[in-house]
Amino acid sequence: MPFPVEAARYSTLRAAKDGLLWLRHPVRGVLGASRAHPLDPEPRTELERYDLVQHRVEELASDADHFTVTGDGKRVLLRTDGKLKVVPSDRRASGDDDSDSNITVDLSRIRCTVDPAAEWRQMYDETGRLMRDNFWRADLGGVDWDGVLERYRPVLARVATHDDLVDLLWEVQGELGTSHAYVMAGGGAHAYRQGLLGADLSRGEDGLWRVDRVLPSETSDPAARSPLAAPGVAVRPGDAVIEVNGRAVDPVTGPGPLLVGTAGKPVELTVSPSGGGDPRHAVVIPVDDEEPLRYHAWVADRRAYVHERSGGRLGYLHVPDMQAPGWAQIHRDLRVEVAREGLVVDVRENRGGHTSQLIVEKLARRVIGWDMPRGSRAFSYPQDAPRGPVVAVADEFSGSDGDIVNAAIRALGIGPVVGTRTWGGVVGIDSRYHLVDGTLVTQPKYAFWMEGQDWGLENRGVDPDVEVVTTPEDHAAGRDPQLDEAVRIALAALAENPAKTAPDLPGAR
């Protein structure tokens, strides 16, 4: 039965005294990138009440993780901001934490005694049971699983730390010879996050640390913010960072030690301009992770390289994973890049996931028509369809769904795969189970079969159509022979089969 409330994301509908309670969740994309700044507070879930007498909605709590209603329906046990509170179910709680309508449950009195060795023994047995009950083959591939557990059990008696236990569980699960058998201990956030400037710095012969390169910001990704490229900072290549918050930069260690604990906080840099003159001061907010910045810069560099090598005829797309970030990344530039005559799809270092079917559907599209509006360029039908040849680039770090997408590209005849044999791990997981202390253990559960490969993708991977190995010398020199070969093959294919183009309009009658 519908309630007269606006459309939103609601959950946890519960009955209470003279009304109904639910959680109203913020609407956001799967990437969670709806904030103006990555360090801004997350949007909060609200606890709302619908009054059955007044026929109206009111907010009971602006920050609610979960709640439970008491048996008489008069009170709510609310989990909010790491606390448990008992509040009324029919009105907003008092702002006074000591009032009868806002009671905080004192969890600090709880005491729990743990025997680590006994806990580790239970975790060991639990890991064995979970694998036995979830492994993709009921016979565990012919492995005597009980025998494996007993063979390693004497080592369990000598485990002295949680790290030892994690190492032991890795070894035990590794006896099954199957990918995705992970053991991941839960980790806490570091209190003092290292501040990073989003730039390459190096020490000159004079002992000064100069900026060699400022990484460009990627405005479509809130996490790819470059501190030195922020408005008003104006730090450029060649400038030297001589002080951080008034403390001189050590000529040996550089500015790094002075930036410890500064991530997300304003920091004053004293900069000596490359062209000479008096030092100037700039306030920046360092980031704690440069990977998004460096990733986008790498993609932009690869794209520019393909455009240059092909004379602008080939587009370039990189797919970093088969999850929401990879799906977003390919669509950042898809419409522009597929409009070129051919397409290079780079799936190197693909971390896997579950969206390969969607990626393949895009790449397998073929132009069968054109939409030609007056005063605008023509659009292919279907849209986002390659106009000419597609060449994939893979390496040994293309794994899981990154294996599968390359196998599918070959099986469907979308185009050749250039590079090296992929990782070879396609038996998937769902990451459902955590042990008693929060350690995640995974069980390879979802087997994969493909025409032409049978069960052979696991522990083998996809062999490229054209093998090209990038050597350490290539990497050090900045060469990319795999991309060079992909461009060569695509241009050769274009020479034989030109890209599809929109027809001329019919002549006047």
Protein backbone atom coordinates (compact mmCIF):
# COMPACT_ATOMS: atom_id res chain seq x y z
CA MET A 1 0.00 0.00 0.00
CA PRO A 2 1.67 3.25 -1.09
CA PHE A 3 2.36 6.10 1.32
CA PRO A 4 1.94 9.74 0.26
CA VAL A 5 5.68 10.48 0.32
CA GLU A 6 8.07 11.48 -2.41
CA ALA A 7 10.03 8.87 -4.31
CA ALA A 8 13.32 7.96 -2.60
CA ARG A 9 15.35 4.98 -1.40
CA TYR A 10 13.62 3.52 1.65
CA SER A 11 14.34 0.42 3.72
CA THR A 12 13.67 -1.26 7.09
CA LEU A 13 9.94 -0.56 7.35
CA ARG A 14 8.81 -1.15 10.96
CA ALA A 15 5.60 -0.62 12.91
CA ALA A 16 5.69 1.60 16.01
CA LYS A 17 3.23 3.41 18.27
CA ASP A 18 0.70 5.29 16.11
CA GLY A 19 3.01 5.22 13.11
CA LEU A 20 5.54 3.55 10.91
CA LEU A 21 9.32 3.98 10.82
CA TRP A 22 11.78 3.55 7.98
CA LEU A 23 15.26 4.54 6.86
CA ARG A 24 15.58 7.03 4.05
CA HIS A 25 18.88 6.56 2.19
CA PRO A 26 20.65 9.24 0.14
CA VAL A 27 20.45 8.76 -3.61
CA ARG A 28 23.94 8.32 -5.05
CA GLY A 29 25.69 6.47 -7.82
CA VAL A 30 27.55 3.23 -7.31
CA LEU A 31 30.88 5.09 -7.43
CA GLY A 32 29.85 7.21 -4.45
CA ALA A 33 31.38 10.27 -6.12
CA SER A 34 28.56 12.70 -5.44
CA ARG A 35 30.53 14.94 -3.08
CA ALA A 36 32.30 18.08 -4.21
CA HIS A 37 35.48 16.97 -2.43
CA PRO A 38 36.53 13.41 -1.49
CA LEU A 39 37.08 14.48 2.12
CA ASP A 40 33.63 16.03 2.49
CA PRO A 41 31.22 14.15 4.81
CA GLU A 42 29.26 11.30 3.28
CA PRO A 43 25.52 11.93 2.80
CA ARG A 44 23.64 10.46 5.74
CA THR A 45 20.78 8.03 6.13
CA GLU A 46 17.78 9.47 8.01
CA LEU A 47 15.30 7.77 10.33
CA GLU A 48 11.80 8.93 9.42
CA ARG A 49 8.37 8.38 10.96
CA TYR A 50 5.02 8.40 9.22
CA ASP A 51 2.29 9.51 11.62
CA LEU A 52 -0.86 7.46 10.97
CA VAL A 53 -2.97 10.03 12.82
CA GLN A 54 -1.62 13.25 11.30
CA HIS A 55 -0.81 11.67 7.90
CA ARG A 56 2.58 13.34 7.67
CA VAL A 57 6.26 12.47 7.67
CA GLU A 58 8.76 13.72 10.23
CA GLU A 59 12.47 13.14 10.73
CA LEU A 60 13.46 11.44 13.99
CA ALA A 61 17.23 11.23 13.42
CA SER A 62 19.45 12.75 10.75
CA ASP A 63 22.20 10.10 11.01
CA ALA A 64 20.99 6.53 11.38
CA ASP A 65 22.85 3.32 10.62
CA HIS A 66 20.15 0.92 11.83
CA PHE A 67 17.32 0.69 14.36
CA THR A 68 15.06 -1.74 16.20
CA VAL A 69 11.67 -0.99 17.75
CA THR A 70 10.86 -2.15 21.27
CA GLY A 71 8.06 -4.65 21.81
CA ASP A 72 5.56 -2.03 22.96
CA GLY A 73 6.39 0.19 19.98
CA LYS A 74 7.17 3.22 22.14
CA ARG A 75 10.96 3.36 21.88
CA VAL A 76 13.69 2.77 19.35
CA LEU A 77 17.17 1.35 19.80
CA LEU A 78 19.13 3.45 17.33
CA ARG A 79 22.65 2.85 16.05
CA THR A 80 24.19 6.16 15.02
CA ASP A 81 27.75 7.43 14.69
CA GLY A 82 29.20 4.40 16.46
CA LYS A 83 26.82 4.72 19.41
CA LEU A 84 23.69 2.93 20.60
CA LYS A 85 20.87 5.17 21.79
CA VAL A 86 17.38 4.60 23.15
CA VAL A 87 15.02 7.28 21.83
CA PRO A 88 11.24 7.75 21.52
CA SER A 89 9.50 6.29 18.50
CA ASP A 90 6.92 9.06 18.16
CA ARG A 91 9.02 12.25 18.27
CA ARG A 92 12.52 13.57 17.74
CA ALA A 93 14.82 12.91 20.68
CA SER A 94 15.95 15.71 22.94
CA GLY A 95 19.33 17.25 22.16
CA ASP A 96 20.35 16.66 25.78
CA ASP A 97 22.25 13.38 26.00
CA ASP A 98 21.30 13.10 29.71
CA SER A 99 17.56 13.37 29.19
CA ASP A 100 15.09 10.50 29.48
CA SER A 101 14.33 10.82 25.75
CA ASN A 102 17.95 10.46 24.63
CA ILE A 103 19.73 7.68 26.46
CA THR A 104 23.14 6.54 25.28
CA VAL A 105 23.88 2.89 26.01
CA ASP A 106 27.27 2.73 27.72
CA LEU A 107 29.22 0.14 25.74
CA SER A 108 32.49 0.94 27.50
CA ARG A 109 31.53 -1.35 30.37
CA ILE A 110 31.53 -4.40 28.12
CA ARG A 111 34.51 -6.67 28.70
CA CYS A 112 35.46 -9.54 26.39
CA THR A 113 38.26 -11.99 27.10
CA VAL A 114 39.71 -13.77 24.07
CA ASP A 115 42.11 -16.71 23.97
CA PRO A 116 43.90 -16.00 20.66
CA ALA A 117 45.21 -19.55 20.23
CA ALA A 118 41.74 -21.04 20.72
CA GLU A 119 40.26 -18.43 18.38
CA TRP A 120 42.84 -19.28 15.70
CA ARG A 121 42.03 -23.00 15.98
CA GLN A 122 38.35 -22.24 15.46
CA MET A 123 39.17 -19.96 12.50
CA TYR A 124 41.30 -22.70 10.94
CA ASP A 125 38.48 -25.25 11.19
CA GLU A 126 35.90 -22.72 9.98
CA THR A 127 38.02 -21.93 6.91
CA GLY A 128 38.18 -25.63 6.12
CA ARG A 129 34.41 -26.06 6.43
CA LEU A 130 33.65 -23.02 4.28
CA MET A 131 35.93 -24.28 1.51
CA ARG A 132 34.48 -27.79 1.71
CA ASP A 133 30.92 -26.49 1.36
CA ASN A 134 31.47 -23.82 -1.32
CA PHE A 135 34.32 -24.92 -3.62
CA TRP A 136 33.17 -25.11 -7.24
CA ARG A 137 33.65 -28.88 -7.33
CA ALA A 138 32.01 -30.96 -4.63
CA ASP A 139 34.93 -33.41 -4.81
CA LEU A 140 37.39 -30.50 -4.43
CA GLY A 141 39.13 -31.56 -7.63
CA GLY A 142 40.14 -34.91 -6.16
CA VAL A 143 42.09 -33.31 -3.30
CA ASP A 144 41.84 -35.11 0.06
CA TRP A 145 40.72 -31.96 1.86
CA ASP A 146 40.47 -33.54 5.31
CA GLY A 147 43.98 -34.89 4.78
CA VAL A 148 45.25 -31.44 3.82
CA LEU A 149 43.78 -29.89 6.96
CA GLU A 150 45.34 -32.57 9.16
CA ARG A 151 48.71 -32.30 7.42
CA TYR A 152 48.95 -28.59 8.19
CA ARG A 153 47.40 -28.80 11.67
CA PRO A 154 50.76 -29.28 13.49
CA VAL A 155 51.82 -25.89 12.10
CA LEU A 156 48.70 -24.34 13.65
CA ALA A 157 50.02 -25.23 17.12
CA ARG A 158 53.10 -23.11 16.46
CA VAL A 159 51.26 -20.02 15.17
CA ALA A 160 52.30 -17.06 17.32
CA THR A 161 50.63 -14.07 15.60
CA HIS A 162 47.62 -13.33 13.45
CA ASP A 163 49.98 -12.76 10.51
CA ASP A 164 51.24 -16.32 10.99
CA LEU A 165 47.68 -17.60 10.83
CA VAL A 166 46.96 -15.65 7.64
CA ASP A 167 50.10 -17.10 6.02
CA LEU A 168 49.06 -20.59 7.08
CA LEU A 169 45.54 -20.22 5.65
CA TRP A 170 46.97 -18.99 2.34
CA GLU A 171 49.13 -22.12 2.13
CA VAL A 172 46.23 -24.45 3.03
CA GLN A 173 43.83 -22.95 0.49
CA GLY A 174 46.59 -22.93 -2.11
CA GLU A 175 46.61 -26.74 -2.05
CA LEU A 176 43.48 -26.62 -4.23
CA GLY A 177 45.38 -24.91 -7.06
CA THR A 178 42.54 -22.54 -7.89
CA SER A 179 42.41 -18.76 -8.20
CA HIS A 180 40.50 -16.36 -5.95
CA ALA A 181 41.22 -18.31 -2.74
CA TYR A 182 42.01 -15.25 -0.64
CA VAL A 183 42.69 -14.56 3.03
CA MET A 184 42.46 -10.88 3.93
CA ALA A 185 42.90 -9.54 7.42
CA GLY A 186 40.91 -6.46 8.35
CA GLY A 187 43.01 -3.32 8.68
CA GLY A 188 42.37 0.00 10.36
CA ALA A 189 42.97 3.46 8.95
CA HIS A 190 46.26 5.14 9.74
CA ALA A 191 45.89 8.05 12.12
CA TYR A 192 48.60 10.07 10.38
CA ARG A 193 48.09 9.89 6.64
CA GLN A 194 51.00 10.85 4.43
CA GLY A 195 50.34 14.02 2.47
CA LEU A 196 51.17 13.90 -1.25
CA LEU A 197 51.48 16.83 -3.64
CA GLY A 198 50.39 15.15 -6.86
CA ALA A 199 53.68 15.91 -8.55
CA ASP A 200 57.07 14.43 -9.44
CA LEU A 201 59.94 16.04 -7.54
CA SER A 202 63.65 15.40 -7.72
CA ARG A 203 66.75 16.75 -6.00
CA GLY A 204 69.09 18.91 -8.02
CA GLU A 205 72.85 19.16 -7.70
CA ASP A 206 72.37 22.22 -5.51
CA GLY A 207 70.35 20.15 -2.99
CA LEU A 208 67.05 21.81 -3.81
CA TRP A 209 63.96 19.69 -4.44
CA ARG A 210 62.37 20.89 -7.67
CA VAL A 211 59.07 20.07 -9.29
CA ASP A 212 59.62 18.08 -12.48
CA ARG A 213 55.98 17.56 -13.33
CA VAL A 214 52.61 18.60 -11.93
CA LEU A 215 50.04 15.88 -12.54
CA PRO A 216 46.96 17.29 -14.28
CA SER A 217 43.62 17.11 -12.48
CA GLU A 218 40.84 15.01 -13.99
CA THR A 219 37.71 17.04 -13.39
CA SER A 220 35.35 14.11 -13.99
CA ASP A 221 36.85 12.20 -11.04
CA PRO A 222 36.66 13.90 -7.60
CA ALA A 223 39.49 11.68 -6.34
CA ALA A 224 41.87 12.90 -9.08
CA ARG A 225 42.56 16.29 -7.55
CA SER A 226 46.03 17.75 -8.04
CA PRO A 227 47.08 19.94 -5.09
CA LEU A 228 49.66 21.94 -7.03
CA ALA A 229 47.23 22.54 -9.90
CA ALA A 230 44.56 24.05 -7.63
CA PRO A 231 43.44 27.64 -8.33
CA GLY A 232 45.80 30.21 -6.89
CA VAL A 233 48.65 27.78 -6.16
CA ALA A 234 50.57 28.32 -9.41
CA VAL A 235 53.48 25.98 -8.64
CA ARG A 236 55.08 25.06 -11.94
CA PRO A 237 57.77 22.67 -13.18
CA GLY A 238 61.17 23.97 -12.23
CA ASP A 239 60.01 25.62 -9.01
CA ALA A 240 61.77 24.44 -5.84
CA VAL A 241 59.94 23.60 -2.61
CA ILE A 242 62.22 25.00 0.11
CA GLU A 243 59.92 25.02 3.16
CA VAL A 244 56.83 23.19 4.41
CA ASN A 245 54.89 25.07 7.08
CA GLY A 246 57.95 27.18 7.75
CA ARG A 247 60.30 24.21 8.23
CA ALA A 248 63.20 23.90 5.83
CA VAL A 249 63.17 20.96 3.41
CA ASP A 250 66.04 18.58 4.13
CA PRO A 251 68.30 18.28 1.06
CA VAL A 252 68.55 14.50 1.53
CA THR A 253 65.05 13.37 2.51
CA GLY A 254 63.10 16.07 0.66
CA PRO A 255 59.65 17.39 1.61
CA GLY A 256 58.09 13.97 2.26
CA PRO A 257 58.80 13.72 6.02
CA LEU A 258 57.41 17.24 6.56
CA LEU A 259 54.15 16.20 4.86
CA VAL A 260 53.39 13.30 7.23
CA GLY A 261 49.88 13.67 8.64
CA THR A 262 48.98 16.57 6.35
CA ALA A 263 46.58 14.79 3.95
CA GLY A 264 43.38 16.79 3.71
CA LYS A 265 44.78 19.70 5.73
CA PRO A 266 45.98 23.13 4.55
CA VAL A 267 49.76 23.31 4.26
CA GLU A 268 51.91 26.35 3.44
CA LEU A 269 54.69 25.75 0.93
CA THR A 270 57.52 28.18 0.44
CA VAL A 271 58.49 28.02 -3.22
CA SER A 272 61.52 29.41 -5.02
CA PRO A 273 60.47 30.27 -8.60
CA SER A 274 62.41 28.63 -11.40
CA GLY A 275 63.00 31.96 -13.08
CA GLY A 276 64.54 33.51 -10.00
CA GLY A 277 63.20 36.18 -7.72
CA ASP A 278 61.93 36.20 -4.16
CA PRO A 279 60.40 33.06 -2.68
CA ARG A 280 56.61 32.98 -2.60
CA HIS A 281 54.12 31.22 -0.37
CA ALA A 282 51.32 28.93 -1.52
CA VAL A 283 48.69 27.11 0.53
CA VAL A 284 47.86 23.61 -0.72
CA ILE A 285 45.79 20.68 0.56
CA PRO A 286 47.78 17.45 0.03
CA VAL A 287 46.04 14.20 -0.91
CA ASP A 288 46.60 10.80 0.69
CA ASP A 289 46.47 8.83 -2.57
CA GLU A 290 47.94 9.76 -5.94
CA GLU A 291 46.79 6.64 -7.78
CA PRO A 292 43.69 8.25 -9.37
CA LEU A 293 45.80 11.21 -10.54
CA ARG A 294 48.57 9.06 -11.95
CA TYR A 295 46.11 6.63 -13.55
CA HIS A 296 44.25 9.35 -15.45
CA ALA A 297 47.54 10.93 -16.51
CA TRP A 298 48.73 7.56 -17.82
CA VAL A 299 45.52 7.04 -19.80
CA ALA A 300 45.72 10.53 -21.28
CA ASP A 301 49.33 9.89 -22.27
CA ARG A 302 48.49 6.53 -23.91
CA ARG A 303 45.56 8.08 -25.76
CA ALA A 304 47.65 10.95 -27.08
CA TYR A 305 50.30 8.42 -28.15
CA VAL A 306 47.79 6.35 -30.13
CA HIS A 307 46.33 9.46 -31.74
CA GLU A 308 49.79 10.64 -32.76
CA ARG A 309 51.00 7.26 -34.05
CA SER A 310 47.84 6.77 -36.11
CA GLY A 311 47.52 10.32 -37.41
CA GLY A 312 44.29 10.71 -35.46
CA ARG A 313 42.61 7.74 -37.16
CA LEU A 314 42.48 5.42 -34.12
CA GLY A 315 40.68 5.88 -30.82
CA TYR A 316 41.96 4.54 -27.50
CA LEU A 317 40.12 3.22 -24.45
CA HIS A 318 41.53 1.73 -21.26
CA VAL A 319 39.42 -0.54 -19.05
CA PRO A 320 41.01 -0.74 -15.56
CA ASP A 321 38.54 -3.28 -14.15
CA MET A 322 35.23 -4.97 -14.81
CA GLN A 323 33.41 -3.16 -12.04
CA ALA A 324 31.70 0.20 -11.64
CA PRO A 325 34.94 2.25 -11.92
CA GLY A 326 35.92 0.49 -15.15
CA TRP A 327 32.42 0.90 -16.59
CA ALA A 328 32.59 4.61 -15.78
CA GLN A 329 36.10 4.93 -17.20
CA ILE A 330 35.25 3.43 -20.59
CA HIS A 331 32.24 5.75 -20.92
CA ARG A 332 34.27 8.85 -20.09
CA ASP A 333 35.57 8.89 -23.65
CA LEU A 334 33.66 6.14 -25.45
CA ARG A 335 31.54 8.27 -27.77
CA VAL A 336 34.49 10.38 -28.88
CA GLU A 337 36.93 7.51 -29.37
CA VAL A 338 34.61 5.13 -31.27
CA ALA A 339 33.86 7.94 -33.71
CA ARG A 340 37.39 7.52 -35.09
CA GLU A 341 38.11 5.02 -37.85
CA GLY A 342 39.42 2.24 -35.62
CA LEU A 343 39.75 1.45 -31.92
CA VAL A 344 42.48 0.17 -29.59
CA VAL A 345 41.01 -1.30 -26.38
CA ASP A 346 43.61 -1.59 -23.64
CA VAL A 347 42.72 -4.13 -20.94
CA ARG A 348 46.19 -4.43 -19.46
CA GLU A 349 46.29 -4.60 -15.66
CA ASN A 350 42.53 -5.18 -15.63
CA ARG A 351 41.56 -6.14 -12.07
CA GLY A 352 38.49 -8.17 -13.01
CA GLY A 353 34.94 -7.97 -11.74
CA HIS A 354 31.65 -8.79 -13.44
CA THR A 355 30.93 -6.37 -16.30
CA SER A 356 32.77 -8.07 -19.17
CA GLN A 357 29.45 -8.95 -20.83
CA LEU A 358 28.55 -5.26 -20.99
CA ILE A 359 31.98 -4.31 -22.36
CA VAL A 360 31.77 -7.03 -25.02
CA GLU A 361 28.28 -5.91 -26.04
CA LYS A 362 29.65 -2.43 -26.73
CA LEU A 363 32.67 -3.67 -28.69
CA ALA A 364 30.62 -6.18 -30.71
CA ARG A 365 28.25 -3.54 -32.06
CA ARG A 366 28.38 -3.00 -35.80
CA VAL A 367 27.24 0.07 -37.67
CA ILE A 368 24.16 -0.73 -39.76
CA GLY A 369 22.69 2.76 -40.14
CA TRP A 370 23.13 6.48 -39.62
CA ASP A 371 21.15 9.21 -37.90
CA MET A 372 21.85 12.43 -39.81
CA PRO A 373 20.29 15.55 -38.23
CA ARG A 374 20.45 18.80 -40.17
CA GLY A 375 23.18 21.09 -38.95
CA SER A 376 24.95 18.40 -36.93
CA ARG A 377 27.34 15.55 -37.52
CA ALA A 378 26.03 12.09 -38.29
CA PHE A 379 25.55 9.51 -35.53
CA SER A 380 25.97 5.82 -36.11
CA TYR A 381 23.17 3.35 -35.48
CA PRO A 382 23.60 1.78 -33.04
CA GLN A 383 25.51 4.46 -31.17
CA ASP A 384 28.84 3.69 -29.50
CA ALA A 385 29.60 1.21 -32.26
CA PRO A 386 33.16 0.94 -33.64
CA ARG A 387 33.34 2.13 -37.26
CA GLY A 388 36.29 -0.05 -38.14
CA PRO A 389 38.75 -2.58 -36.70
CA VAL A 390 39.08 -3.23 -32.97
CA VAL A 391 42.37 -4.42 -31.50
CA ALA A 392 42.69 -5.47 -27.82
CA VAL A 393 45.87 -5.21 -25.77
CA ALA A 394 46.37 -7.60 -22.83
CA ASP A 395 49.12 -8.59 -20.42
CA GLU A 396 49.78 -11.02 -17.59
CA PHE A 397 47.96 -8.69 -15.18
CA SER A 398 44.67 -8.90 -17.08
CA GLY A 399 42.84 -11.22 -14.72
CA SER A 400 39.55 -12.79 -13.77
CA ASP A 401 36.86 -11.01 -15.80
CA GLY A 402 39.86 -9.44 -17.53
CA ASP A 403 40.73 -12.97 -18.74
CA ILE A 404 37.15 -13.54 -19.82
CA VAL A 405 36.79 -10.33 -21.81
CA ASN A 406 39.85 -11.22 -23.90
CA ALA A 407 38.55 -14.75 -24.46
CA ALA A 408 35.21 -13.30 -25.55
CA ILE A 409 36.84 -10.79 -27.91
CA ARG A 410 38.61 -13.68 -29.63
CA ALA A 411 35.62 -16.06 -29.57
CA LEU A 412 33.27 -13.48 -31.13
CA GLY A 413 35.82 -12.40 -33.72
CA ILE A 414 35.70 -8.78 -32.54
CA GLY A 415 39.40 -8.40 -33.19
CA PRO A 416 42.88 -9.73 -32.41
CA VAL A 417 44.47 -9.66 -28.96
CA VAL A 418 48.01 -8.28 -28.76
CA GLY A 419 50.38 -8.67 -25.81
CA THR A 420 51.10 -11.53 -23.44
CA ARG A 421 49.10 -14.41 -21.97
CA THR A 422 46.61 -13.24 -19.36
CA TRP A 423 46.54 -14.13 -15.65
CA GLY A 424 44.40 -17.27 -15.82
CA GLY A 425 41.98 -17.06 -12.93
CA VAL A 426 38.27 -17.29 -13.76
CA VAL A 427 36.66 -19.30 -10.94
CA GLY A 428 34.80 -16.49 -9.22
CA ILE A 429 33.85 -15.66 -5.64
CA ASP A 430 31.18 -13.74 -3.75
CA SER A 431 33.21 -12.74 -0.63
CA ARG A 432 30.36 -13.64 1.71
CA TYR A 433 32.22 -15.06 4.69
CA HIS A 434 34.31 -13.44 7.41
CA LEU A 435 35.88 -15.31 10.31
CA VAL A 436 35.23 -14.44 13.94
CA ASP A 437 37.77 -11.57 14.04
CA GLY A 438 36.70 -10.09 10.69
CA THR A 439 39.27 -11.84 8.50
CA LEU A 440 37.84 -12.44 5.02
CA VAL A 441 38.25 -15.87 3.46
CA THR A 442 37.01 -16.59 -0.06
CA GLN A 443 36.06 -19.83 -1.75
CA PRO A 444 36.36 -20.29 -5.55
CA LYS A 445 32.71 -21.06 -6.28
CA TYR A 446 31.66 -19.90 -9.74
CA ALA A 447 33.32 -22.06 -12.40
CA PHE A 448 33.59 -20.80 -15.97
CA TRP A 449 33.43 -22.61 -19.31
CA MET A 450 33.74 -21.08 -22.79
CA GLU A 451 33.49 -22.40 -26.32
CA GLY A 452 36.90 -23.18 -27.73
CA GLN A 453 38.48 -23.00 -24.27
CA ASP A 454 36.35 -25.50 -22.32
CA TRP A 455 37.56 -25.27 -18.71
CA GLY A 456 41.02 -24.23 -19.83
CA LEU A 457 40.93 -20.55 -18.91
CA GLU A 458 41.58 -21.35 -15.25
CA ASN A 459 45.31 -21.65 -14.55
CA ARG A 460 46.09 -20.91 -18.20
CA GLY A 461 44.58 -17.62 -19.29
CA VAL A 462 44.13 -16.34 -22.82
CA ASP A 463 46.95 -16.65 -25.32
CA PRO A 464 47.24 -13.53 -27.49
CA ASP A 465 46.88 -13.70 -31.24
CA VAL A 466 50.11 -11.70 -31.51
CA GLU A 467 52.59 -12.08 -28.66
CA VAL A 468 54.53 -8.94 -27.77
CA VAL A 469 56.56 -8.83 -24.55
CA THR A 470 57.38 -5.53 -22.87
CA THR A 471 60.86 -5.93 -21.41
CA PRO A 472 62.23 -4.08 -18.36
CA GLU A 473 64.42 -2.13 -20.77
CA ASP A 474 61.32 -1.03 -22.71
CA HIS A 475 59.65 0.10 -19.52
CA ALA A 476 62.69 2.03 -18.32
CA ALA A 477 63.01 3.76 -21.69
CA GLY A 478 59.31 4.65 -21.84
CA ARG A 479 58.63 2.39 -24.83
CA ASP A 480 55.34 0.55 -25.32
CA PRO A 481 55.89 -2.13 -27.98
CA GLN A 482 52.50 -3.75 -27.28
CA LEU A 483 50.66 -0.53 -28.07
CA ASP A 484 52.90 0.03 -31.12
CA GLU A 485 51.94 -3.38 -32.51
CA ALA A 486 48.24 -2.81 -31.81
CA VAL A 487 48.37 0.47 -33.75
CA ARG A 488 50.22 -1.20 -36.64
CA ILE A 489 47.67 -4.03 -36.88
CA ALA A 490 44.71 -1.64 -36.72
CA LEU A 491 46.11 0.60 -39.46
CA ALA A 492 46.85 -2.43 -41.66
CA ALA A 493 43.26 -3.60 -41.19
CA LEU A 494 42.00 -0.15 -42.13
CA ALA A 495 44.03 -0.26 -45.33
CA GLU A 496 42.19 -3.43 -46.35
CA ASN A 497 38.74 -2.53 -45.00
CA PRO A 498 38.10 1.19 -44.62
CA ALA A 499 35.93 2.41 -41.77
CA LYS A 500 32.22 2.85 -42.31
CA THR A 501 31.13 6.41 -43.05
CA ALA A 502 27.80 8.18 -43.27
CA PRO A 503 26.31 8.32 -46.80
CA ASP A 504 25.66 11.52 -48.67
CA LEU A 505 22.14 12.84 -48.51
CA PRO A 506 20.00 11.90 -51.48
CA GLY A 507 20.02 14.38 -54.35
CA ALA A 508 17.33 17.04 -54.74
CA ARG A 509 14.28 15.86 -56.62
